[in-house]
Amino acid sequence: MESILILSIFNIVILLFAFRTKRGLYTITPEKQWSKNIKEFDKNLKSIDDIDLSNYKLGSGHLYE
C-alpha cells in the first residue's frame, strides 16, 4: 500500500515536470533555430566547391595511386 502511494506521487511529479517543460517546447520555430546553422553549412559548402583540384597530384605510396 505504501509503495503504491510513493509510486503514484512520483508519477504525478514526473507528469507535472513533463507538462511544464513541454509548454515552452514549440515557442521558437525550427527554421528560426536552424537558420544560423543552415547559413554556415551553405557557406562551407560553397568554399568546398570553390577549391581548385585541377593540378592536384597524389604522392608516392598513396592508396589510390
Protein backbone atom coordinates (compact mmCIF):
# COMPACT_ATOMS: atom_id res chain seq x y z
CA MET A 1 0.00 0.00 0.00
CA GLU A 2 2.79 2.36 0.93
CA SER A 3 4.74 1.59 -2.25
CA ILE A 4 1.68 2.34 -4.42
CA LEU A 5 1.32 5.73 -2.75
CA ILE A 6 5.00 6.57 -3.26
CA LEU A 7 4.87 5.39 -6.87
CA SER A 8 1.76 7.44 -7.64
CA ILE A 9 3.30 10.59 -6.07
CA PHE A 10 6.46 10.01 -8.10
CA ASN A 11 4.42 9.65 -11.31
CA ILE A 12 2.47 12.83 -10.58
CA VAL A 13 5.70 14.76 -10.03
CA ILE A 14 7.14 13.45 -13.31
CA LEU A 15 3.94 14.33 -15.19
CA LEU A 16 3.91 17.86 -13.78
CA PHE A 17 7.56 18.29 -14.77
CA ALA A 18 6.83 16.99 -18.29
CA PHE A 19 3.87 19.31 -18.83
CA ARG A 20 5.82 22.28 -17.52
CA THR A 21 8.79 21.68 -19.82
CA LYS A 22 6.64 20.88 -22.86
CA ARG A 23 4.91 24.24 -22.61
CA GLY A 24 7.99 26.07 -23.92
CA LEU A 25 8.99 23.42 -26.44
CA TYR A 26 7.47 24.91 -29.58
CA THR A 27 7.76 28.63 -28.88
CA ILE A 28 10.53 29.09 -31.50
CA THR A 29 10.05 27.63 -34.96
CA PRO A 30 12.69 25.15 -36.15
CA GLU A 31 13.50 27.33 -39.17
CA LYS A 32 14.40 30.20 -36.86
CA GLN A 33 16.54 27.94 -34.68
CA TRP A 34 18.37 26.33 -37.59
CA SER A 35 18.86 29.40 -39.79
CA LYS A 36 22.34 30.15 -38.43
CA ASN A 37 23.48 26.56 -38.93
CA ILE A 38 21.99 26.39 -42.43
CA LYS A 39 23.75 29.60 -43.46
CA GLU A 40 27.08 28.33 -42.08
CA PHE A 41 26.60 24.99 -43.88
CA ASP A 42 25.88 26.75 -47.17
CA LYS A 43 28.97 28.95 -46.72
CA ASN A 44 31.17 25.91 -46.01
CA LEU A 45 29.71 24.01 -48.97
CA LYS A 46 30.41 26.94 -51.28
CA SER A 47 34.01 27.18 -50.05
CA ILE A 48 34.48 23.44 -50.69
CA ASP A 49 33.05 23.82 -54.20
CA ASP A 50 35.46 26.71 -54.87
CA ILE A 51 38.57 24.60 -54.21
CA ASP A 52 40.57 24.09 -57.41
CA LEU A 53 41.63 20.45 -57.80
CA SER A 54 42.85 20.64 -61.40
CA ASN A 55 46.59 20.45 -60.57
CA TYR A 56 46.38 18.10 -57.59
CA LYS A 57 48.72 15.11 -57.74
CA LEU A 58 48.81 12.15 -55.39
CA GLY A 59 52.08 11.47 -53.55
CA SER A 60 54.02 8.23 -53.85
CA GLY A 61 52.61 5.27 -51.95
CA HIS A 62 49.09 6.70 -51.88
CA LEU A 63 46.23 4.23 -51.68
CA TYR A 64 44.56 5.49 -54.87
CA GLU A 65 47.75 5.82 -56.93
